[in-house]
PDB file of N, CA and C in Angstrom:
ATOM      1  N   MET A   1       0.850  -1.163   0.000  1.00  0.00           N
ATOM      2  CA  MET A   1       0.000   0.000   0.000  1.00  0.00           C
ATOM      3  C   MET A   1       0.898   1.230   0.000  1.00  0.00           C
ATOM      4  N   SER A   2       0.460   2.282  -0.671  1.00  0.00           N
ATOM      5  CA  SER A   2       1.246   3.504  -0.752  1.00  0.00           C
ATOM      6  C   SER A   2       1.209   4.251   0.571  1.00  0.00           C
ATOM      7  N   ALA A   3       2.003   5.320   0.645  1.00  0.00           N
ATOM      8  CA  ALA A   3       2.077   6.114   1.867  1.00  0.00           C
ATOM      9  C   ALA A   3       0.728   6.716   2.222  1.00  0.00           C
ATOM     10  N   GLU A   4      -0.049   7.069   1.224  1.00  0.00           N
ATOM     11  CA  GLU A   4      -1.395   7.569   1.483  1.00  0.00           C
ATOM     12  C   GLU A   4      -2.378   6.776   0.640  1.00  0.00           C
ATOM     13  N   ALA A   5      -3.512   6.455   1.238  1.00  0.00           N
ATOM     14  CA  ALA A   5      -4.529   5.677   0.532  1.00  0.00           C
ATOM     15  C   ALA A   5      -5.386   6.570  -0.336  1.00  0.00           C
ATOM     16  N   ALA A   6      -5.520   7.839   0.085  1.00  0.00           N
ATOM     17  CA  ALA A   6      -6.426   8.746  -0.605  1.00  0.00           C
ATOM     18  C   ALA A   6      -6.075  10.179  -0.227  1.00  0.00           C
ATOM     19  N   THR A   7      -6.725  11.104  -0.907  1.00  0.00           N
ATOM     20  CA  THR A   7      -6.611  12.519  -0.554  1.00  0.00           C
ATOM     21  C   THR A   7      -8.012  13.102  -0.441  1.00  0.00           C
ATOM     22  N   LEU A   8      -8.093  14.256   0.177  1.00  0.00           N
ATOM     23  CA  LEU A   8      -9.374  14.915   0.381  1.00  0.00           C
ATOM     24  C   LEU A   8      -9.512  16.092  -0.568  1.00  0.00           C
ATOM     25  N   GLU A   9     -10.633  16.146  -1.266  1.00  0.00           N
ATOM     26  CA  GLU A   9     -11.009  17.343  -2.012  1.00  0.00           C
ATOM     27  C   GLU A   9     -12.241  17.889  -1.309  1.00  0.00           C
ATOM     28  N   ARG A  10     -12.214  19.169  -0.986  1.00  0.00           N
ATOM     29  CA  ARG A  10     -13.316  19.720  -0.199  1.00  0.00           C
ATOM     30  C   ARG A  10     -13.779  21.059  -0.747  1.00  0.00           C
ATOM     31  N   LYS A  11     -15.040  21.348  -0.445  1.00  0.00           N
ATOM     32  CA  LYS A  11     -15.638  22.656  -0.684  1.00  0.00           C
ATOM     33  C   LYS A  11     -16.315  23.030   0.619  1.00  0.00           C
ATOM     34  N   GLY A  12     -15.819  24.048   1.261  1.00  0.00           N
ATOM     35  CA  GLY A  12     -16.346  24.422   2.559  1.00  0.00           C
ATOM     36  C   GLY A  12     -15.666  23.640   3.663  1.00  0.00           C
ATOM     37  N   PRO A  13     -16.148  23.806   4.896  1.00  0.00           N
ATOM     38  CA  PRO A  13     -15.484  23.181   6.039  1.00  0.00           C
ATOM     39  C   PRO A  13     -15.700  21.667   6.113  1.00  0.00           C
ATOM     40  N   VAL A  14     -14.574  20.953   6.185  1.00  0.00           N
ATOM     41  CA  VAL A  14     -14.575  19.495   6.324  1.00  0.00           C
ATOM     42  C   VAL A  14     -13.591  19.148   7.434  1.00  0.00           C
ATOM     43  N   LEU A  15     -13.975  18.193   8.269  1.00  0.00           N
ATOM     44  CA  LEU A  15     -13.138  17.753   9.381  1.00  0.00           C
ATOM     45  C   LEU A  15     -12.653  16.333   9.134  1.00  0.00           C
ATOM     46  N   VAL A  16     -11.455  16.019   9.650  1.00  0.00           N
ATOM     47  CA  VAL A  16     -10.915  14.663   9.561  1.00  0.00           C
ATOM     48  C   VAL A  16     -10.480  14.235  10.953  1.00  0.00           C
ATOM     49  N   ASN A  17     -10.828  12.999  11.308  1.00  0.00           N
ATOM     50  CA  ASN A  17     -10.357  12.398  12.549  1.00  0.00           C
ATOM     51  C   ASN A  17      -9.285  11.387  12.167  1.00  0.00           C
ATOM     52  N   TYR A  18      -8.033  11.728  12.459  1.00  0.00           N
ATOM     53  CA  TYR A  18      -6.901  10.854  12.162  1.00  0.00           C
ATOM     54  C   TYR A  18      -6.660   9.847  13.283  1.00  0.00           C
ATOM     55  N   GLY A  19      -7.532   9.850  14.285  1.00  0.00           N
ATOM     56  CA  GLY A  19      -7.403   8.918  15.396  1.00  0.00           C
ATOM     57  C   GLY A  19      -7.344   9.587  16.753  1.00  0.00           C
ATOM     58  N   SER A  20      -7.260  10.910  16.766  1.00  0.00           N
ATOM     59  CA  SER A  20      -7.185  11.604  18.058  1.00  0.00           C
ATOM     60  C   SER A  20      -8.103  12.822  18.097  1.00  0.00           C
ATOM     61  N   GLY A  21      -9.252  12.726  17.442  1.00  0.00           N
ATOM     62  CA  GLY A  21     -10.223  13.817  17.426  1.00  0.00           C
ATOM     63  C   GLY A  21     -10.265  14.514  16.078  1.00  0.00           C
ATOM     64  N   TYR A  22     -11.375  15.184  15.830  1.00  0.00           N
ATOM     65  CA  TYR A  22     -11.575  15.866  14.544  1.00  0.00           C
ATOM     66  C   TYR A  22     -10.792  17.172  14.488  1.00  0.00           C
ATOM     67  N   VAL A  23     -10.183  17.415  13.326  1.00  0.00           N
ATOM     68  CA  VAL A  23      -9.471  18.669  13.062  1.00  0.00           C
ATOM     69  C   VAL A  23      -9.893  19.172  11.691  1.00  0.00           C
ATOM     70  N   ALA A  24      -9.808  20.491  11.500  1.00  0.00           N
ATOM     71  CA  ALA A  24     -10.114  21.071  10.193  1.00  0.00           C
ATOM     72  C   ALA A  24      -9.112  20.538   9.173  1.00  0.00           C
ATOM     73  N   ALA A  25      -9.607  20.180   7.997  1.00  0.00           N
ATOM     74  CA  ALA A  25      -8.755  19.582   6.969  1.00  0.00           C
ATOM     75  C   ALA A  25      -8.537  20.551   5.821  1.00  0.00           C
ATOM     76  N   ASP A  26      -7.330  20.533   5.295  1.00  0.00           N
ATOM     77  CA  ASP A  26      -7.000  21.322   4.116  1.00  0.00           C
ATOM     78  C   ASP A  26      -7.370  20.546   2.861  1.00  0.00           C
ATOM     79  N   ASN A  27      -7.593  21.269   1.782  1.00  0.00           N
ATOM     80  CA  ASN A  27      -7.815  20.623   0.491  1.00  0.00           C
ATOM     81  C   ASN A  27      -6.539  19.868   0.123  1.00  0.00           C
ATOM     82  N   GLY A  28      -6.678  18.628  -0.327  1.00  0.00           N
ATOM     83  CA  GLY A  28      -5.523  17.813  -0.685  1.00  0.00           C
ATOM     84  C   GLY A  28      -4.898  17.082   0.488  1.00  0.00           C
ATOM     85  N   ALA A  29      -5.536  17.126   1.660  1.00  0.00           N
ATOM     86  CA  ALA A  29      -4.994  16.453   2.845  1.00  0.00           C
ATOM     87  C   ALA A  29      -4.861  14.957   2.587  1.00  0.00           C
ATOM     88  N   PRO A  30      -3.731  14.346   2.979  1.00  0.00           N
ATOM     89  CA  PRO A  30      -3.569  12.898   2.818  1.00  0.00           C
ATOM     90  C   PRO A  30      -4.449  12.145   3.812  1.00  0.00           C
ATOM     91  N   LEU A  31      -4.989  11.022   3.364  1.00  0.00           N
ATOM     92  CA  LEU A  31      -5.868  10.203   4.197  1.00  0.00           C
ATOM     93  C   LEU A  31      -5.369   8.769   4.214  1.00  0.00           C
ATOM     94  N   GLN A  32      -5.580   8.103   5.339  1.00  0.00           N
ATOM     95  CA  GLN A  32      -5.199   6.703   5.526  1.00  0.00           C
ATOM     96  C   GLN A  32      -6.441   5.876   5.835  1.00  0.00           C
ATOM     97  N   PRO A  33      -6.392   4.566   5.588  1.00  0.00           N
ATOM     98  CA  PRO A  33      -7.521   3.714   5.972  1.00  0.00           C
ATOM     99  C   PRO A  33      -7.851   3.899   7.456  1.00  0.00           C
ATOM    100  N   GLY A  34      -9.137   4.033   7.740  1.00  0.00           N
ATOM    101  CA  GLY A  34      -9.599   4.219   9.108  1.00  0.00           C
ATOM    102  C   GLY A  34      -9.832   5.663   9.488  1.00  0.00           C
ATOM    103  N   ASP A  35      -9.273   6.610   8.718  1.00  0.00           N
ATOM    104  CA  ASP A  35      -9.552   8.020   8.999  1.00  0.00           C
ATOM    105  C   ASP A  35     -11.033   8.282   8.767  1.00  0.00           C
ATOM    106  N   ALA A  36     -11.619   9.122   9.610  1.00  0.00           N
ATOM    107  CA  ALA A  36     -13.035   9.475   9.488  1.00  0.00           C
ATOM    108  C   ALA A  36     -13.135  10.898   8.949  1.00  0.00           C
ATOM    109  N   VAL A  37     -13.945  11.077   7.906  1.00  0.00           N
ATOM    110  CA  VAL A  37     -14.105  12.378   7.260  1.00  0.00           C
ATOM    111  C   VAL A  37     -15.553  12.816   7.442  1.00  0.00           C
ATOM    112  N   MET A  38     -15.740  14.076   7.868  1.00  0.00           N
ATOM    113  CA  MET A  38     -17.085  14.603   8.087  1.00  0.00           C
ATOM    114  C   MET A  38     -17.151  16.038   7.566  1.00  0.00           C
ATOM    115  N   ALA A  39     -18.174  16.327   6.769  1.00  0.00           N
ATOM    116  CA  ALA A  39     -18.389  17.690   6.285  1.00  0.00           C
ATOM    117  C   ALA A  39     -19.331  18.406   7.241  1.00  0.00           C
ATOM    118  N   LYS A  40     -19.029  19.662   7.509  1.00  0.00           N
ATOM    119  CA  LYS A  40     -19.924  20.490   8.318  1.00  0.00           C
ATOM    120  C   LYS A  40     -21.154  20.838   7.477  1.00  0.00           C
ATOM    121  N   PRO A  41     -22.204  21.409   8.090  1.00  0.00           N
ATOM    122  CA  PRO A  41     -23.444  21.691   7.353  1.00  0.00           C
ATOM    123  C   PRO A  41     -23.248  22.494   6.067  1.00  0.00           C
ATOM    124  N   SER A  42     -22.286  23.400   6.043  1.00  0.00           N
ATOM    125  CA  SER A  42     -22.077  24.212   4.837  1.00  0.00           C
ATOM    126  C   SER A  42     -20.950  23.687   3.951  1.00  0.00           C
ATOM    127  N   GLY A  43     -20.473  22.483   4.235  1.00  0.00           N
ATOM    128  CA  GLY A  43     -19.363  21.926   3.455  1.00  0.00           C
ATOM    129  C   GLY A  43     -19.718  20.614   2.796  1.00  0.00           C
ATOM    130  N   ARG A  44     -18.858  20.183   1.938  1.00  0.00           N
ATOM    131  CA  ARG A  44     -18.938  18.853   1.331  1.00  0.00           C
ATOM    132  C   ARG A  44     -17.568  18.510   0.802  1.00  0.00           C
ATOM    133  N   GLY A  45     -17.363  17.248   0.541  1.00  0.00           N
ATOM    134  CA  GLY A  45     -16.051  16.840   0.055  1.00  0.00           C
ATOM    135  C   GLY A  45     -16.109  15.524  -0.680  1.00  0.00           C
ATOM    136  N   GLU A  46     -14.941  15.106  -1.127  1.00  0.00           N
ATOM    137  CA  GLU A  46     -14.791  13.802  -1.774  1.00  0.00           C
ATOM    138  C   GLU A  46     -13.484  13.184  -1.304  1.00  0.00           C
ATOM    139  N   ILE A  47     -13.553  11.904  -1.008  1.00  0.00           N
ATOM    140  CA  ILE A  47     -12.349  11.127  -0.744  1.00  0.00           C
ATOM    141  C   ILE A  47     -11.914  10.592  -2.102  1.00  0.00           C
ATOM    142  N   VAL A  48     -10.714  10.961  -2.524  1.00  0.00           N
ATOM    143  CA  VAL A  48     -10.213  10.549  -3.834  1.00  0.00           C
ATOM    144  C   VAL A  48      -9.133   9.495  -3.607  1.00  0.00           C
ATOM    145  N   TYR A  49      -9.441   8.242  -3.996  1.00  0.00           N
ATOM    146  CA  TYR A  49      -8.516   7.131  -3.806  1.00  0.00           C
ATOM    147  C   TYR A  49      -7.437   7.141  -4.886  1.00  0.00           C
ATOM    148  N   ASP A  50      -6.357   6.412  -4.631  1.00  0.00           N
ATOM    149  CA  ASP A  50      -5.221   6.366  -5.554  1.00  0.00           C
ATOM    150  C   ASP A  50      -5.610   5.938  -6.964  1.00  0.00           C
ATOM    151  N   ASP A  51      -6.662   5.114  -7.086  1.00  0.00           N
ATOM    152  CA  ASP A  51      -7.080   4.638  -8.410  1.00  0.00           C
ATOM    153  C   ASP A  51      -8.032   5.611  -9.107  1.00  0.00           C
ATOM    154  N   GLY A  52      -8.291   6.774  -8.489  1.00  0.00           N
ATOM    155  CA  GLY A  52      -9.182   7.770  -9.077  1.00  0.00           C
ATOM    156  C   GLY A  52     -10.622   7.666  -8.607  1.00  0.00           C
ATOM    157  N   CYS A  53     -10.946   6.624  -7.875  1.00  0.00           N
ATOM    158  CA  CYS A  53     -12.301   6.453  -7.347  1.00  0.00           C
ATOM    159  C   CYS A  53     -12.616   7.601  -6.395  1.00  0.00           C
ATOM    160  N   ARG A  54     -13.836   8.122  -6.489  1.00  0.00           N
ATOM    161  CA  ARG A  54     -14.265   9.243  -5.649  1.00  0.00           C
ATOM    162  C   ARG A  54     -15.455   8.829  -4.801  1.00  0.00           C
ATOM    163  N   GLU A  55     -15.326   9.041  -3.498  1.00  0.00           N
ATOM    164  CA  GLU A  55     -16.417   8.737  -2.572  1.00  0.00           C
ATOM    165  C   GLU A  55     -16.906  10.052  -1.957  1.00  0.00           C
ATOM    166  N   PRO A  56     -18.181  10.394  -2.159  1.00  0.00           N
ATOM    167  CA  PRO A  56     -18.678  11.679  -1.659  1.00  0.00           C
ATOM    168  C   PRO A  56     -18.789  11.714  -0.132  1.00  0.00           C
ATOM    169  N   VAL A  57     -18.582  12.908   0.405  1.00  0.00           N
ATOM    170  CA  VAL A  57     -18.783  13.171   1.828  1.00  0.00           C
ATOM    171  C   VAL A  57     -19.826  14.278   1.913  1.00  0.00           C
ATOM    172  N   GLU A  58     -21.036  13.893   2.279  1.00  0.00           N
ATOM    173  CA  GLU A  58     -22.156  14.830   2.353  1.00  0.00           C
ATOM    174  C   GLU A  58     -22.150  15.551   3.699  1.00  0.00           C
ATOM    175  N   PRO A  59     -22.797  16.714   3.777  1.00  0.00           N
ATOM    176  CA  PRO A  59     -22.841  17.457   5.033  1.00  0.00           C
ATOM    177  C   PRO A  59     -23.388  16.616   6.194  1.00  0.00           C
ATOM    178  N   GLN A  60     -22.701  16.690   7.313  1.00  0.00           N
ATOM    179  CA  GLN A  60     -23.057  16.040   8.567  1.00  0.00           C
ATOM    180  C   GLN A  60     -23.092  14.516   8.477  1.00  0.00           C
ATOM    181  N   LYS A  61     -22.405  13.944   7.511  1.00  0.00           N
ATOM    182  CA  LYS A  61     -22.257  12.491   7.407  1.00  0.00           C
ATOM    183  C   LYS A  61     -20.797  12.141   7.656  1.00  0.00           C
ATOM    184  N   VAL A  62     -20.551  11.008   8.287  1.00  0.00           N
ATOM    185  CA  VAL A  62     -19.190  10.540   8.531  1.00  0.00           C
ATOM    186  C   VAL A  62     -18.892   9.413   7.552  1.00  0.00           C
ATOM    187  N   VAL A  63     -17.771   9.521   6.855  1.00  0.00           N
ATOM    188  CA  VAL A  63     -17.347   8.493   5.904  1.00  0.00           C
ATOM    189  C   VAL A  63     -15.959   8.028   6.325  1.00  0.00           C
ATOM    190  N   LEU A  64     -15.790   6.711   6.461  1.00  0.00           N
ATOM    191  CA  LEU A  64     -14.486   6.150   6.811  1.00  0.00           C
ATOM    192  C   LEU A  64     -13.692   5.862   5.547  1.00  0.00           C
ATOM    193  N   VAL A  65     -12.410   6.182   5.579  1.00  0.00           N
ATOM    194  CA  VAL A  65     -11.518   5.858   4.469  1.00  0.00           C
ATOM    195  C   VAL A  65     -11.285   4.354   4.507  1.00  0.00           C
ATOM    196  N   GLN A  66     -11.512   3.696   3.381  1.00  0.00           N
ATOM    197  CA  GLN A  66     -11.402   2.239   3.287  1.00  0.00           C
ATOM    198  C   GLN A  66      -9.986   1.817   2.908  1.00  0.00           C
ATOM    199  N   ASP A  67      -9.627   0.583   3.250  1.00  0.00           N
ATOM    200  CA  ASP A  67      -8.309   0.091   2.847  1.00  0.00           C
ATOM    201  C   ASP A  67      -8.291  -0.338   1.389  1.00  0.00           C
ATOM    202  N   VAL A  68      -9.467  -0.597   0.819  1.00  0.00           N
ATOM    203  CA  VAL A  68      -9.606  -0.930  -0.598  1.00  0.00           C
ATOM    204  C   VAL A  68     -10.593   0.058  -1.201  1.00  0.00           C
ATOM    205  N   SER A  69     -10.247   0.602  -2.342  1.00  0.00           N
ATOM    206  CA  SER A  69     -11.115   1.567  -3.013  1.00  0.00           C
ATOM    207  C   SER A  69     -12.517   0.996  -3.191  1.00  0.00           C
ATOM    208  N   PRO A  70     -13.563   1.774  -2.895  1.00  0.00           N
ATOM    209  CA  PRO A  70     -14.931   1.286  -3.072  1.00  0.00           C
ATOM    210  C   PRO A  70     -15.240   0.888  -4.515  1.00  0.00           C
ATOM    211  N   CYS A  71     -14.513   1.437  -5.476  1.00  0.00           N
ATOM    212  CA  CYS A  71     -14.765   1.118  -6.888  1.00  0.00           C
ATOM    213  C   CYS A  71     -14.298  -0.280  -7.261  1.00  0.00           C
ATOM    214  N   VAL A  72     -13.379  -0.853  -6.519  1.00  0.00           N
ATOM    215  CA  VAL A  72     -12.868  -2.176  -6.869  1.00  0.00           C
ATOM    216  C   VAL A  72     -13.288  -3.254  -5.885  1.00  0.00           C
ATOM    217  N   LYS A  73     -14.059  -2.897  -4.865  1.00  0.00           N
ATOM    218  CA  LYS A  73     -14.464  -3.901  -3.875  1.00  0.00           C
ATOM    219  C   LYS A  73     -15.222  -5.057  -4.504  1.00  0.00           C
ATOM    220  N   GLY A  74     -16.080  -4.808  -5.475  1.00  0.00           N
ATOM    221  CA  GLY A  74     -16.856  -5.869  -6.104  1.00  0.00           C
ATOM    222  C   GLY A  74     -16.161  -6.509  -7.286  1.00  0.00           C
ATOM    223  N   ALA A  75     -14.931  -6.083  -7.613  1.00  0.00           N
ATOM    224  CA  ALA A  75     -14.257  -6.589  -8.802  1.00  0.00           C
ATOM    225  C   ALA A  75     -13.553  -7.914  -8.559  1.00  0.00           C
ATOM    226  N   GLY A  76     -13.377  -8.314  -7.319  1.00  0.00           N
ATOM    227  CA  GLY A  76     -12.681  -9.557  -7.011  1.00  0.00           C
ATOM    228  C   GLY A  76     -13.642 -10.733  -7.063  1.00  0.00           C
ATOM    229  N   PRO A  77     -13.478 -11.675  -6.139  1.00  0.00           N
ATOM    230  CA  PRO A  77     -14.411 -12.802  -6.083  1.00  0.00           C
ATOM    231  C   PRO A  77     -15.835 -12.305  -5.866  1.00  0.00           C
ATOM    232  N   TRP A  78     -16.781 -13.135  -6.243  1.00  0.00           N
ATOM    233  CA  TRP A  78     -18.183 -12.743  -6.106  1.00  0.00           C
ATOM    234  C   TRP A  78     -18.496 -12.359  -4.678  1.00  0.00           C
ATOM    235  N   PRO A  79     -19.239 -11.274  -4.484  1.00  0.00           N
ATOM    236  CA  PRO A  79     -19.708 -10.965  -3.132  1.00  0.00           C
ATOM    237  C   PRO A  79     -20.631 -12.078  -2.643  1.00  0.00           C
ATOM    238  N   ILE A  80     -20.734 -12.267  -1.356  1.00  0.00           N
ATOM    239  CA  ILE A  80     -21.502 -13.370  -0.779  1.00  0.00           C
ATOM    240  C   ILE A  80     -22.959 -13.356  -1.211  1.00  0.00           C
ATOM    241  N   TYR A  81     -23.568 -12.176  -1.385  1.00  0.00           N
ATOM    242  CA  TYR A  81     -24.969 -12.150  -1.794  1.00  0.00           C
ATOM    243  C   TYR A  81     -25.134 -12.682  -3.213  1.00  0.00           C
ATOM    244  N   LYS A  82     -24.120 -12.531  -4.075  1.00  0.00           N
ATOM    245  CA  LYS A  82     -24.207 -13.072  -5.433  1.00  0.00           C
ATOM    246  C   LYS A  82     -24.164 -14.599  -5.392  1.00  0.00           C
ATOM    247  N   LEU A  83     -23.380 -15.162  -4.492  1.00  0.00           N
ATOM    248  CA  LEU A  83     -23.352 -16.618  -4.352  1.00  0.00           C
ATOM    249  C   LEU A  83     -24.716 -17.121  -3.904  1.00  0.00           C
ATOM    250  N   GLY A  84     -25.364 -16.389  -3.010  1.00  0.00           N
ATOM    251  CA  GLY A  84     -26.708 -16.754  -2.561  1.00  0.00           C
ATOM    252  C   GLY A  84     -27.709 -16.705  -3.695  1.00  0.00           C
ATOM    253  N   GLU A  85     -27.628 -15.670  -4.538  1.00  0.00           N
ATOM    254  CA  GLU A  85     -28.528 -15.567  -5.691  1.00  0.00           C
ATOM    255  C   GLU A  85     -28.334 -16.748  -6.631  1.00  0.00           C
ATOM    256  N   ALA A  86     -27.095 -17.126  -6.879  1.00  0.00           N
ATOM    257  CA  ALA A  86     -26.815 -18.256  -7.768  1.00  0.00           C
ATOM    258  C   ALA A  86     -27.389 -19.547  -7.188  1.00  0.00           C
ATOM    259  N   ALA A  87     -27.287 -19.723  -5.872  1.00  0.00           N
ATOM    260  CA  ALA A  87     -27.823 -20.922  -5.232  1.00  0.00           C
ATOM    261  C   ALA A  87     -29.344 -20.968  -5.339  1.00  0.00           C
ATOM    262  N   VAL A  88     -30.005 -19.828  -5.182  1.00  0.00           N
ATOM    263  CA  VAL A  88     -31.466 -19.780  -5.289  1.00  0.00           C
ATOM    264  C   VAL A  88     -31.901 -20.129  -6.706  1.00  0.00           C
ATOM    265  N   ILE A  89     -31.233 -19.602  -7.697  1.00  0.00           N
ATOM    266  CA  ILE A  89     -31.586 -19.895  -9.092  1.00  0.00           C
ATOM    267  C   ILE A  89     -31.379 -21.371  -9.396  1.00  0.00           C
ATOM    268  N   ALA A  90     -30.233 -21.924  -8.981  1.00  0.00           N
ATOM    269  CA  ALA A  90     -29.963 -23.342  -9.229  1.00  0.00           C
ATOM    270  C   ALA A  90     -30.984 -24.217  -8.508  1.00  0.00           C
ATOM    271  N   GLY A  91     -31.308 -23.860  -7.263  1.00  0.00           N
ATOM    272  CA  GLY A  91     -32.291 -24.634  -6.505  1.00  0.00           C
ATOM    273  C   GLY A  91     -33.664 -24.599  -7.137  1.00  0.00           C
ATOM    274  N   SER A  92     -34.079 -23.451  -7.653  1.00  0.00           N
ATOM    275  CA  SER A  92     -35.404 -23.363  -8.268  1.00  0.00           C
ATOM    276  C   SER A  92     -35.469 -24.181  -9.552  1.00  0.00           C
ATOM    277  N   LEU A  93     -34.371 -24.264 -10.271  1.00  0.00           N
ATOM    278  CA  LEU A  93     -34.361 -25.101 -11.473  1.00  0.00           C
ATOM    279  C   LEU A  93     -34.481 -26.576 -11.109  1.00  0.00           C
ATOM    280  N   LEU A  94     -33.819 -26.981 -10.039  1.00  0.00           N
ATOM    281  CA  LEU A  94     -33.905 -28.377  -9.611  1.00  0.00           C
ATOM    282  C   LEU A  94     -35.303 -28.717  -9.108  1.00  0.00           C
ATOM    283  N   VAL A  95     -35.910 -27.830  -8.334  1.00  0.00           N
ATOM    284  CA  VAL A  95     -37.234 -28.078  -7.764  1.00  0.00           C
ATOM    285  C   VAL A  95     -38.303 -28.080  -8.842  1.00  0.00           C
ATOM    286  N   SER A  96     -38.158 -27.236  -9.849  1.00  0.00           N
ATOM    287  CA  SER A  96     -39.186 -27.155 -10.888  1.00  0.00           C
ATOM    288  C   SER A  96     -39.263 -28.441 -11.700  1.00  0.00           C
ATOM    289  N   GLY A  97     -38.207 -29.218 -11.671  1.00  0.00           N
ATOM    290  CA  GLY A  97     -38.224 -30.476 -12.405  1.00  0.00           C
ATOM    291  C   GLY A  97     -38.154 -30.292 -13.908  1.00  0.00           C
ATOM    292  N   ASP A  98     -37.766 -29.158 -14.360  1.00  0.00           N
ATOM    293  CA  ASP A  98     -37.667 -28.896 -15.795  1.00  0.00           C
ATOM    294  C   ASP A  98     -36.423 -29.584 -16.329  1.00  0.00           C
ATOM    295  N   ASN A  99     -36.619 -30.813 -16.805  1.00  0.00           N
ATOM    296  CA  ASN A  99     -35.494 -31.568 -17.329  1.00  0.00           C
ATOM    297  C   ASN A  99     -35.464 -31.571 -18.852  1.00  0.00           C
ATOM    298  N   GLY A 100     -36.354 -30.822 -19.466  1.00  0.00           N
ATOM    299  CA  GLY A 100     -36.353 -30.732 -20.919  1.00  0.00           C
ATOM    300  C   GLY A 100     -37.202 -31.796 -21.599  1.00  0.00           C
ATOM    301  N   TYR A 101     -37.777 -32.737 -20.847  1.00  0.00           N
ATOM    302  CA  TYR A 101     -38.618 -33.778 -21.435  1.00  0.00           C
ATOM    303  C   TYR A 101     -40.078 -33.416 -21.224  1.00  0.00           C
ATOM    304  N   ASP A 102     -40.832 -33.262 -22.305  1.00  0.00           N
ATOM    305  CA  ASP A 102     -42.234 -32.875 -22.211  1.00  0.00           C
ATOM    306  C   ASP A 102     -43.186 -34.053 -22.392  1.00  0.00           C
ATOM    307  N   GLN A 103     -42.674 -35.228 -22.642  1.00  0.00           N
ATOM    308  CA  GLN A 103     -43.552 -36.374 -22.881  1.00  0.00           C
ATOM    309  C   GLN A 103     -43.830 -37.090 -21.568  1.00  0.00           C
ATOM    310  N   PRO A 104     -45.107 -37.344 -21.290  1.00  0.00           N
ATOM    311  CA  PRO A 104     -45.437 -38.063 -20.057  1.00  0.00           C
ATOM    312  C   PRO A 104     -44.989 -39.528 -20.149  1.00  0.00           C
ATOM    313  N   ALA A 105     -44.662 -40.097 -19.019  1.00  0.00           N
ATOM    314  CA  ALA A 105     -44.287 -41.517 -18.982  1.00  0.00           C
ATOM    315  C   ALA A 105     -45.540 -42.364 -19.110  1.00  0.00           C
ATOM    316  N   SER A 106     -45.466 -43.519 -19.803  1.00  0.00           N
ATOM    317  CA  SER A 106     -46.640 -44.373 -19.923  1.00  0.00           C
ATOM    318  C   SER A 106     -46.845 -45.189 -18.658  1.00  0.00           C
ATOM    319  N   PRO A 107     -48.122 -45.472 -18.360  1.00  0.00           N
ATOM    320  CA  PRO A 107     -48.450 -46.214 -17.131  1.00  0.00           C
ATOM    321  C   PRO A 107     -48.035 -47.649 -17.145  1.00  0.00           C
TER     322      PRO A 107
END
């Protein structure tokens, strides 16, 4: 991982908690995973990750800097909910009994 995971772009007052309380942040401030970013009511900002991914920071919301860019989190192995969806689809095909044969068996 690089020296900084992300930087802050801000418009208006934005605070960052680097681990010892919130402080006013400058535009372009370096951010590390676990830092908490909060915009004041008249401010807003964006966490800009090394890969160019931008995560908005809305007024009075706290956003944590992630160790992996939010833009690539779903690019790796399937998320667990996708595995669940695949299991439901496969199970419904098995239960429906649709084996491709439309002819009834003779008695």
